[in-house]
Amino acid sequence: MAPRNTHGQGRRQVALFGTFDTDNFGDCLFPLIVEQQLSRRIKDVELLLFSPTRRTAKTANYGRVHTLDELGQVFDTMLPAFMIGGGALLSTEHVLFAYPEVRLVYPYSLKCWLLPAMAASSWKCPLILNGVGLGPFESSYGVFASKYLRQADVCGVRDALTQGFLGGLGVQSEIVPDSGILTPELESRSARNSRCQRLKTEFDLPERYIAVQASLFLGSRLDAFAGAVAEAARQAGLAVVLIPICHHLNDLVALRIMRRIFNRKAVKTVLIRRILNTLETSAVLSQAALYVGTSLHGALVTLSFEKPIVGFSPRSMKKNRAVLAVLGAEDCVLNEVSELPRRIGEMLRGPQAQCAAGLEDARNKLTAFFDRAAQVIWSRSGTPLSRPLKLEVSSGAGLCDGVKDDLDRVKELSAQYRKRIPLVRRCAAFVVRNNRVASEWYDRISHWLTVRKGDGEP
């Protein structure tokens, strides 16, 4: 796609909210795509990232991440635009393995969508939702979602499930394909080829391989998953590159367990132990003959390079199928281990560009979405401020009266939520998850106990 600067002179600032402080492929991919797409349309746009913490993700190809309470410090000369997304951000839960906290003033998820939407309402900032998805959501927060998301200038969600949920709250939205399918546009072909060559030399990657990933949430099904993929690779005579994608889920632990099974079946494997950044992970996926795994963005990005995929997730997990359905690719996600060898064999024997029409349509929809987003940013932000906007979301300082009253109610709900998570559990998570070695051993032991119990679908 050629650059499309549709707006001329004039600086614009955009605050992008999401989990960009997490070592997760998809989360670290969104800022790169958003920045590229907006810079094509607005000459002097500046994208600033806001997340629940100031952590610097090891997988990131970007710089500093700010917290909510820094909003008033960062935007002190002109009115910004707010953008939320992407990812499954419409949630009210707190995931301790990703955000280990003891005090737990707010569930981390609220810092990604509700609190920014409330701040945007108070500041009169334009608000854009960029293909967000639905997570666990308590009904008591529904009144706030209804009130503040209805004020969005553009409300894009990434699947029909999220659209239906918001529709029930009176919030009109449009389905916007996950922007991960624009990954090939982040680098020129020559730059990507050069990156691929460096990675091939560093890890001694084979000429042709299957990229395989899985997370420990498969529980007792992990061994069966590995065995099925190994058998398919053995029959095809292909090597396997085991690539961690969801580092916050300790993929590397799962892949080490799987590698033993591949070795028993005499399948050559390359295990990537180093934490790759987002563009490096994309490069490895772009060269794969096939991707097999549980990661949504592992599948989406591989598909964006028009390579075949075989996704896998338990029936209880609907996210992957729902998002891929927007591309007409829901059938690429399997729920049964027994189906894996046949499907992998089909994809390898007759490699074809899956869902090419769906990809092209999705790219067109994303082009139209970012055109509208840029128009909103250009027309409604950039107003010089007569004085700095003082804002502390945690305390409510700087919010207008109506919004501050709502924040007080949100604090009450958060306090009730906090009581349901025992203090000892919060402390244990803080100790374990803030130490990589301790975290990996914890997950190893937990997986071993799960397998011994012989649990079924997680």
Protein backbone atom coordinates (compact mmCIF):
# COMPACT_ATOMS: atom_id res chain seq x y z
CA MET A 1 0.00 0.00 0.00
CA ALA A 2 1.37 3.41 -0.94
CA PRO A 3 1.63 6.17 1.65
CA ARG A 4 -1.58 8.17 1.88
CA ASN A 5 -1.01 11.45 3.71
CA THR A 6 -4.52 12.86 3.54
CA HIS A 7 -3.91 15.72 5.96
CA GLY A 8 -1.34 18.47 5.79
CA GLN A 9 0.51 20.53 8.34
CA GLY A 10 -0.36 20.47 12.03
CA ARG A 11 0.81 18.27 14.86
CA ARG A 12 -1.64 15.81 16.39
CA GLN A 13 -1.12 13.65 19.46
CA VAL A 14 -2.82 10.29 19.99
CA ALA A 15 -2.91 8.34 23.25
CA LEU A 16 -3.14 4.61 22.50
CA PHE A 17 -4.36 2.46 25.41
CA GLY A 18 -3.72 -1.27 25.76
CA THR A 19 -1.49 -3.93 27.30
CA PHE A 20 1.71 -2.78 25.60
CA ASP A 21 3.71 -3.50 28.75
CA THR A 22 3.23 -7.26 28.33
CA ASP A 23 5.60 -9.73 26.65
CA ASN A 24 3.00 -10.89 24.18
CA PHE A 25 3.30 -10.88 20.39
CA GLY A 26 -0.14 -9.49 19.55
CA ASP A 27 -0.06 -6.75 22.19
CA CYS A 28 3.32 -5.50 20.98
CA LEU A 29 2.19 -5.62 17.36
CA PHE A 30 -0.73 -3.17 17.62
CA PRO A 31 1.29 0.02 18.31
CA LEU A 32 3.53 -0.59 15.29
CA ILE A 33 0.57 -0.95 12.96
CA VAL A 34 -1.41 1.95 14.43
CA GLU A 35 1.58 4.29 14.20
CA GLN A 36 2.28 3.31 10.61
CA GLN A 37 -1.34 3.63 9.49
CA LEU A 38 -1.89 7.01 11.16
CA SER A 39 1.43 8.44 9.95
CA ARG A 40 0.39 7.63 6.38
CA ARG A 41 -2.67 9.80 6.85
CA ILE A 42 -1.54 12.57 9.20
CA LYS A 43 1.83 14.14 8.50
CA ASP A 44 2.87 15.10 12.04
CA VAL A 45 1.06 12.57 14.21
CA GLU A 46 2.65 11.53 17.50
CA LEU A 47 1.57 8.25 19.08
CA LEU A 48 2.05 7.82 22.84
CA LEU A 49 1.41 4.49 24.55
CA PHE A 50 -0.47 4.02 27.84
CA SER A 51 -0.69 0.75 29.75
CA PRO A 52 -1.45 -0.43 33.30
CA THR A 53 2.28 -0.27 34.20
CA ARG A 54 5.50 1.38 32.99
CA ARG A 55 7.15 -1.94 32.22
CA THR A 56 9.15 -2.19 29.02
CA ALA A 57 8.15 -5.34 27.16
CA LYS A 58 11.14 -7.39 26.02
CA THR A 59 9.25 -8.26 22.83
CA ALA A 60 8.55 -4.62 21.91
CA ASN A 61 9.93 -2.64 18.97
CA TYR A 62 8.95 0.67 20.56
CA GLY A 63 10.07 2.88 23.41
CA ARG A 64 8.49 4.21 26.57
CA VAL A 65 5.07 3.18 27.87
CA HIS A 66 3.19 5.59 30.16
CA THR A 67 0.63 4.98 32.90
CA LEU A 68 -2.79 6.60 33.20
CA ASP A 69 -1.73 9.02 35.90
CA GLU A 70 0.81 10.49 33.48
CA LEU A 71 -1.90 11.74 31.12
CA GLY A 72 -1.90 15.22 32.64
CA GLN A 73 1.89 15.44 32.44
CA VAL A 74 2.20 14.21 28.86
CA PHE A 75 -0.59 16.27 27.29
CA ASP A 76 -0.04 19.79 28.50
CA THR A 77 -0.04 21.87 25.30
CA MET A 78 -2.77 20.49 23.03
CA LEU A 79 -5.89 18.34 23.20
CA PRO A 80 -5.10 14.71 22.27
CA ALA A 81 -7.21 11.99 20.69
CA PHE A 82 -7.73 8.73 22.59
CA MET A 83 -7.60 5.34 20.90
CA ILE A 84 -8.32 2.06 22.70
CA GLY A 85 -7.07 -1.24 21.34
CA GLY A 86 -6.53 -3.69 20.13
CA GLY A 87 -6.92 -6.98 21.87
CA ALA A 88 -9.47 -8.48 24.24
CA LEU A 89 -9.62 -5.32 26.36
CA LEU A 90 -13.35 -5.09 27.12
CA SER A 91 -13.03 -6.96 30.38
CA THR A 92 -13.42 -6.34 34.10
CA GLU A 93 -11.05 -8.99 35.42
CA HIS A 94 -7.52 -8.94 36.80
CA VAL A 95 -5.08 -11.59 35.56
CA LEU A 96 -2.46 -12.03 38.25
CA PHE A 97 0.04 -13.93 36.11
CA ALA A 98 0.25 -10.95 33.72
CA TYR A 99 -0.21 -8.14 36.27
CA PRO A 100 0.91 -9.39 39.69
CA GLU A 101 -0.25 -6.76 42.18
CA VAL A 102 -0.82 -6.75 45.93
CA ARG A 103 -2.91 -3.58 46.39
CA LEU A 104 -5.12 -4.10 43.31
CA VAL A 105 -6.84 -0.68 43.35
CA TYR A 106 -8.48 -1.34 39.96
CA PRO A 107 -8.60 -4.48 37.83
CA TYR A 108 -5.89 -3.92 35.22
CA SER A 109 -8.42 -4.26 32.40
CA LEU A 110 -10.30 -1.13 33.47
CA LYS A 111 -7.13 0.88 32.94
CA CYS A 112 -7.19 -0.12 29.29
CA TRP A 113 -10.74 0.90 28.36
CA LEU A 114 -13.12 2.23 31.03
CA LEU A 115 -10.84 4.71 32.81
CA PRO A 116 -9.49 6.13 29.52
CA ALA A 117 -13.05 6.45 28.18
CA MET A 118 -14.06 8.32 31.34
CA ALA A 119 -11.05 10.63 31.00
CA ALA A 120 -11.89 11.26 27.34
CA SER A 121 -15.43 12.21 28.35
CA SER A 122 -14.18 14.61 31.00
CA TRP A 123 -11.59 16.21 28.69
CA LYS A 124 -13.91 16.21 25.63
CA CYS A 125 -11.30 14.25 23.69
CA PRO A 126 -12.22 12.29 20.56
CA LEU A 127 -12.45 8.57 21.35
CA ILE A 128 -11.78 5.70 18.93
CA LEU A 129 -12.02 1.95 19.57
CA ASN A 130 -9.65 -0.02 17.37
CA GLY A 131 -11.00 -3.54 16.85
CA VAL A 132 -11.29 -4.43 20.54
CA GLY A 133 -12.55 -7.79 21.77
CA LEU A 134 -14.60 -9.01 24.72
CA GLY A 135 -13.14 -10.66 27.81
CA PRO A 136 -14.75 -11.77 31.10
CA PHE A 137 -17.19 -8.99 31.97
CA GLU A 138 -19.20 -8.48 35.16
CA SER A 139 -22.69 -7.14 34.53
CA SER A 140 -22.36 -4.51 37.28
CA TYR A 141 -19.97 -2.57 35.03
CA GLY A 142 -22.41 -2.62 32.11
CA VAL A 143 -23.94 0.77 32.94
CA PHE A 144 -20.51 2.42 32.63
CA ALA A 145 -19.68 0.63 29.39
CA SER A 146 -23.01 1.80 27.99
CA LYS A 147 -22.55 5.42 29.08
CA TYR A 148 -18.95 5.99 28.05
CA LEU A 149 -18.55 3.79 24.98
CA ARG A 150 -21.63 5.33 23.38
CA GLN A 151 -19.64 8.55 23.31
CA ALA A 152 -16.98 7.04 21.01
CA ASP A 153 -16.57 8.77 17.65
CA VAL A 154 -15.61 5.45 16.05
CA CYS A 155 -16.42 2.15 17.78
CA GLY A 156 -14.67 -0.76 16.10
CA VAL A 157 -14.83 -4.30 17.53
CA ARG A 158 -13.08 -7.36 16.19
CA ASP A 159 -15.83 -10.00 16.17
CA ALA A 160 -19.57 -10.58 16.18
CA LEU A 161 -19.53 -11.74 19.82
CA THR A 162 -18.26 -8.35 21.01
CA GLN A 163 -20.61 -6.48 18.71
CA GLY A 164 -23.60 -8.39 20.08
CA PHE A 165 -22.54 -7.76 23.66
CA LEU A 166 -22.20 -4.01 23.15
CA GLY A 167 -25.45 -3.94 21.19
CA GLY A 168 -27.19 -5.31 24.27
CA LEU A 169 -25.85 -2.30 26.18
CA GLY A 170 -27.12 0.12 23.55
CA VAL A 171 -23.67 0.76 22.08
CA GLN A 172 -23.56 0.73 18.29
CA SER A 173 -20.35 -0.71 16.84
CA GLU A 174 -18.87 -1.98 13.61
CA ILE A 175 -16.78 -5.10 13.10
CA VAL A 176 -13.22 -4.14 12.20
CA PRO A 177 -10.81 -6.96 11.28
CA ASP A 178 -7.89 -7.45 13.61
CA SER A 179 -5.15 -5.10 12.42
CA GLY A 180 -2.58 -7.92 12.71
CA ILE A 181 -3.31 -8.78 9.08
CA LEU A 182 -1.47 -5.58 8.09
CA THR A 183 1.82 -6.94 9.49
CA PRO A 184 3.44 -7.43 6.05
CA GLU A 185 3.23 -3.67 5.51
CA LEU A 186 5.47 -2.91 8.50
CA GLU A 187 8.66 -3.65 6.57
CA SER A 188 9.74 -3.68 2.97
CA ARG A 189 10.32 -7.09 1.43
CA SER A 190 14.08 -6.49 1.31
CA ALA A 191 14.24 -5.44 4.97
CA ARG A 192 12.23 -8.50 6.03
CA ASN A 193 14.38 -10.82 3.91
CA SER A 194 17.50 -9.38 5.52
CA ARG A 195 16.01 -9.93 8.98
CA CYS A 196 15.05 -13.48 8.04
CA GLN A 197 18.58 -14.21 6.88
CA ARG A 198 20.06 -12.97 10.16
CA LEU A 199 17.66 -15.15 12.15
CA LYS A 200 18.36 -18.15 9.93
CA THR A 201 22.07 -17.77 10.63
CA GLU A 202 21.61 -17.17 14.38
CA PHE A 203 19.34 -20.17 14.99
CA ASP A 204 20.44 -22.43 12.10
CA LEU A 205 16.89 -22.50 10.77
CA PRO A 206 16.11 -25.09 8.08
CA GLU A 207 15.10 -24.06 4.56
CA ARG A 208 11.57 -25.38 5.03
CA TYR A 209 9.86 -25.86 8.35
CA ILE A 210 6.64 -25.94 10.33
CA ALA A 211 6.38 -23.16 12.92
CA VAL A 212 4.84 -24.63 16.09
CA GLN A 213 3.68 -22.91 19.28
CA ALA A 214 1.46 -23.83 22.21
CA SER A 215 0.69 -22.46 25.65
CA LEU A 216 0.40 -24.32 28.91
CA PHE A 217 -3.34 -23.66 29.18
CA LEU A 218 -3.76 -26.83 27.12
CA GLY A 219 -3.02 -28.66 30.35
CA SER A 220 -3.16 -32.42 30.01
CA ARG A 221 -3.86 -32.09 26.28
CA LEU A 222 -0.41 -30.60 25.60
CA ASP A 223 1.32 -33.97 25.20
CA ALA A 224 -1.37 -35.25 22.82
CA PHE A 225 -1.17 -32.00 20.82
CA ALA A 226 2.62 -32.33 20.52
CA GLY A 227 2.36 -35.98 19.55
CA ALA A 228 -0.15 -35.28 16.78
CA VAL A 229 1.90 -32.42 15.32
CA ALA A 230 5.10 -34.47 15.57
CA GLU A 231 3.54 -37.36 13.70
CA ALA A 232 2.35 -35.07 10.92
CA ALA A 233 5.80 -33.44 10.65
CA ARG A 234 7.48 -36.86 10.56
CA GLN A 235 5.24 -38.05 7.76
CA ALA A 236 5.91 -34.85 5.79
CA GLY A 237 9.66 -35.10 6.40
CA LEU A 238 9.79 -31.52 7.68
CA ALA A 239 11.71 -29.96 10.54
CA VAL A 240 9.88 -28.03 13.23
CA VAL A 241 10.75 -24.59 14.61
CA LEU A 242 9.36 -24.23 18.13
CA ILE A 243 8.71 -20.53 18.55
CA PRO A 244 7.49 -18.89 21.79
CA ILE A 245 4.87 -16.23 21.03
CA CYS A 246 2.94 -15.65 24.28
CA HIS A 247 5.87 -15.15 26.66
CA HIS A 248 3.58 -13.92 29.43
CA LEU A 249 2.01 -17.40 29.33
CA ASN A 250 5.45 -19.06 29.56
CA ASP A 251 5.28 -20.59 26.09
CA LEU A 252 8.92 -21.55 26.43
CA VAL A 253 8.06 -24.02 29.21
CA ALA A 254 5.39 -25.62 27.03
CA LEU A 255 7.76 -25.85 24.06
CA ARG A 256 10.49 -27.51 26.12
CA ILE A 257 7.97 -30.15 27.19
CA MET A 258 6.85 -30.61 23.58
CA ARG A 259 10.40 -30.88 22.27
CA ARG A 260 10.95 -34.13 24.17
CA ILE A 261 7.98 -35.63 22.37
CA PHE A 262 9.26 -34.44 18.96
CA ASN A 263 12.66 -35.93 19.73
CA ARG A 264 11.10 -39.31 20.59
CA LYS A 265 9.48 -39.32 17.15
CA ALA A 266 12.83 -38.44 15.51
CA VAL A 267 11.59 -35.08 14.23
CA LYS A 268 14.31 -32.46 13.87
CA THR A 269 13.48 -29.42 15.99
CA VAL A 270 14.89 -25.96 16.54
CA LEU A 271 13.84 -24.38 19.82
CA ILE A 272 14.10 -20.59 19.86
CA ARG A 273 15.08 -19.76 23.43
CA ARG A 274 15.92 -16.09 22.99
CA ILE A 275 13.03 -13.66 23.43
CA LEU A 276 12.39 -12.35 19.93
CA ASN A 277 10.98 -8.90 19.36
CA THR A 278 7.77 -8.48 17.38
CA LEU A 279 9.36 -8.00 13.98
CA GLU A 280 11.67 -10.99 14.50
CA THR A 281 8.74 -13.23 15.40
CA SER A 282 6.88 -11.99 12.32
CA ALA A 283 9.90 -12.79 10.16
CA VAL A 284 10.11 -16.39 11.40
CA LEU A 285 6.38 -16.89 10.80
CA SER A 286 6.60 -15.35 7.34
CA GLN A 287 9.05 -18.04 6.20
CA ALA A 288 7.16 -21.02 7.61
CA ALA A 289 5.63 -23.64 5.32
CA LEU A 290 2.80 -23.89 7.88
CA TYR A 291 1.92 -22.53 11.32
CA VAL A 292 0.35 -24.76 13.99
CA GLY A 293 -0.46 -23.37 17.41
CA THR A 294 -2.79 -21.87 19.99
CA SER A 295 -1.82 -18.21 19.54
CA LEU A 296 -4.39 -16.06 17.74
CA HIS A 297 -1.81 -13.63 16.40
CA GLY A 298 0.57 -16.42 15.50
CA ALA A 299 -2.18 -17.64 13.17
CA LEU A 300 -3.28 -14.19 11.97
CA VAL A 301 0.21 -12.98 11.11
CA THR A 302 1.15 -16.20 9.34
CA LEU A 303 -2.08 -15.97 7.37
CA SER A 304 -1.31 -12.33 6.51
CA PHE A 305 1.78 -13.59 4.65
CA GLU A 306 -0.56 -15.93 2.74
CA LYS A 307 0.87 -19.01 4.41
CA PRO A 308 -1.38 -21.89 5.57
CA ILE A 309 -2.32 -22.24 9.22
CA VAL A 310 -3.82 -24.82 11.54
CA GLY A 311 -5.00 -23.24 14.76
CA PHE A 312 -5.93 -25.20 17.86
CA SER A 313 -7.95 -24.27 20.93
CA PRO A 314 -10.33 -26.01 23.35
CA ARG A 315 -14.04 -25.71 22.56
CA SER A 316 -14.53 -23.51 25.61
CA MET A 317 -12.23 -20.86 24.13
CA LYS A 318 -14.17 -19.02 21.42
CA LYS A 319 -11.80 -16.09 20.78
CA ASN A 320 -9.69 -17.57 17.99
CA ARG A 321 -12.62 -18.86 15.95
CA ALA A 322 -14.60 -15.64 16.43
CA VAL A 323 -11.78 -13.37 15.25
CA LEU A 324 -10.77 -15.60 12.34
CA ALA A 325 -14.43 -15.82 11.30
CA VAL A 326 -14.19 -12.17 10.23
CA LEU A 327 -11.69 -13.37 7.59
CA GLY A 328 -13.78 -16.40 6.69
CA ALA A 329 -11.11 -18.57 8.30
CA GLU A 330 -12.94 -20.01 11.31
CA ASP A 331 -12.57 -23.53 9.91
CA CYS A 332 -8.80 -23.17 10.31
CA VAL A 333 -9.22 -23.59 14.08
CA LEU A 334 -9.55 -27.18 15.31
CA ASN A 335 -10.87 -28.31 18.68
CA GLU A 336 -9.88 -31.99 18.61
CA VAL A 337 -6.32 -33.32 18.72
CA SER A 338 -7.32 -36.29 16.58
CA GLU A 339 -8.04 -33.96 13.64
CA LEU A 340 -4.57 -32.39 13.61
CA PRO A 341 -2.54 -34.93 11.56
CA ARG A 342 -5.07 -35.06 8.71
CA ARG A 343 -5.49 -31.26 8.51
CA ILE A 344 -1.75 -30.60 8.71
CA GLY A 345 -1.16 -33.16 5.97
CA GLU A 346 -3.78 -31.52 3.75
CA MET A 347 -2.21 -28.09 4.17
CA LEU A 348 1.29 -29.38 3.42
CA ARG A 349 0.32 -31.54 0.44
CA GLY A 350 -1.66 -28.82 -1.23
CA PRO A 351 -0.42 -25.48 0.12
CA GLN A 352 -2.81 -22.80 -0.92
CA ALA A 353 -3.50 -19.22 0.06
CA GLN A 354 -6.23 -19.66 2.65
CA CYS A 355 -9.12 -17.20 2.56
CA ALA A 356 -7.46 -14.87 0.01
CA ALA A 357 -10.76 -13.12 -0.70
CA GLY A 358 -11.39 -12.68 3.02
CA LEU A 359 -7.95 -11.16 3.51
CA GLU A 360 -8.39 -8.66 0.72
CA ASP A 361 -11.81 -7.62 1.98
CA ALA A 362 -10.42 -7.26 5.51
CA ARG A 363 -7.56 -5.06 4.30
CA ASN A 364 -10.06 -2.82 2.52
CA LYS A 365 -12.16 -2.53 5.67
CA LEU A 366 -9.10 -1.63 7.72
CA THR A 367 -8.11 1.02 5.17
CA ALA A 368 -11.57 2.57 5.51
CA PHE A 369 -11.41 2.33 9.31
CA PHE A 370 -8.06 4.11 9.60
CA ASP A 371 -9.27 6.73 7.10
CA ARG A 372 -12.20 7.52 9.41
CA ALA A 373 -10.00 7.42 12.51
CA ALA A 374 -7.53 9.85 10.94
CA GLN A 375 -10.35 12.20 9.99
CA VAL A 376 -11.64 12.21 13.57
CA ILE A 377 -8.15 12.79 14.98
CA TRP A 378 -7.50 15.60 12.52
CA SER A 379 -10.80 17.40 13.01
CA ARG A 380 -11.31 17.00 16.76
CA SER A 381 -7.86 17.08 18.36
CA GLY A 382 -4.90 19.45 18.33
CA THR A 383 -6.65 22.40 19.98
CA PRO A 384 -4.09 24.48 21.95
CA LEU A 385 -4.69 24.43 25.69
CA SER A 386 -4.79 27.66 27.65
CA ARG A 387 -3.54 25.74 30.67
CA PRO A 388 -2.31 22.20 31.33
CA LEU A 389 -5.03 19.63 31.97
CA LYS A 390 -4.48 18.30 35.47
CA LEU A 391 -5.61 14.72 35.77
CA GLU A 392 -5.04 11.84 38.19
CA VAL A 393 -7.29 8.99 37.24
CA SER A 394 -6.47 6.98 40.36
CA SER A 395 -7.78 9.73 42.66
CA GLY A 396 -10.24 11.34 40.27
CA ALA A 397 -8.51 14.72 40.49
CA GLY A 398 -9.12 16.76 37.37
CA LEU A 399 -12.27 14.90 36.28
CA CYS A 400 -15.52 16.80 35.88
CA ASP A 401 -18.12 16.26 38.61
CA GLY A 402 -20.36 13.76 36.79
CA VAL A 403 -17.43 11.60 35.72
CA LYS A 404 -15.86 11.79 39.18
CA ASP A 405 -19.11 10.51 40.72
CA ASP A 406 -19.02 7.54 38.33
CA LEU A 407 -15.38 6.90 39.20
CA ASP A 408 -16.30 6.72 42.89
CA ARG A 409 -18.81 3.98 42.04
CA VAL A 410 -16.21 2.14 39.95
CA LYS A 411 -13.86 2.28 42.96
CA GLU A 412 -16.55 0.66 45.11
CA LEU A 413 -17.02 -2.14 42.59
CA SER A 414 -13.25 -2.59 42.37
CA ALA A 415 -13.01 -2.84 46.15
CA GLN A 416 -15.64 -5.60 46.13
CA TYR A 417 -13.72 -7.39 43.39
CA ARG A 418 -10.45 -7.07 45.34
CA LYS A 419 -11.98 -8.84 48.35
CA ARG A 420 -12.69 -11.90 46.22
CA ILE A 421 -8.98 -12.36 45.50
CA PRO A 422 -7.31 -13.38 48.79
CA LEU A 423 -4.36 -11.29 49.90
CA VAL A 424 -2.15 -14.37 50.18
CA ARG A 425 -2.86 -15.17 46.51
CA ARG A 426 -1.99 -11.64 45.44
CA CYS A 427 1.24 -11.73 47.43
CA ALA A 428 2.19 -15.14 46.05
CA ALA A 429 1.57 -13.98 42.49
CA PHE A 430 3.67 -10.88 43.12
CA VAL A 431 6.61 -12.96 44.37
CA VAL A 432 6.40 -15.68 41.70
CA ARG A 433 5.50 -13.72 38.59
CA ASN A 434 8.06 -10.98 39.12
CA ASN A 435 10.85 -13.56 38.95
CA ARG A 436 11.25 -15.33 35.61
CA VAL A 437 12.94 -18.44 37.01
CA ALA A 438 10.37 -18.82 39.80
CA SER A 439 7.54 -18.28 37.31
CA GLU A 440 8.82 -20.94 34.93
CA TRP A 441 9.28 -23.50 37.72
CA TYR A 442 5.83 -22.72 39.08
CA ASP A 443 4.30 -23.38 35.67
CA ARG A 444 6.33 -26.58 35.22
CA ILE A 445 5.10 -27.95 38.54
CA SER A 446 1.52 -26.83 37.90
CA HIS A 447 1.54 -28.54 34.51
CA TRP A 448 2.96 -31.75 36.00
CA LEU A 449 0.21 -31.80 38.63
CA THR A 450 -2.44 -31.13 35.97
CA VAL A 451 -1.19 -34.04 33.86
CA ARG A 452 -1.10 -36.35 36.89
CA LYS A 453 -4.69 -35.47 37.69
CA GLY A 454 -5.59 -36.29 34.10
CA ASP A 455 -7.82 -33.26 33.71
CA GLY A 456 -9.82 -32.97 30.49
CA GLU A 457 -10.43 -29.80 28.56
CA PRO A 458 -9.14 -26.82 30.53
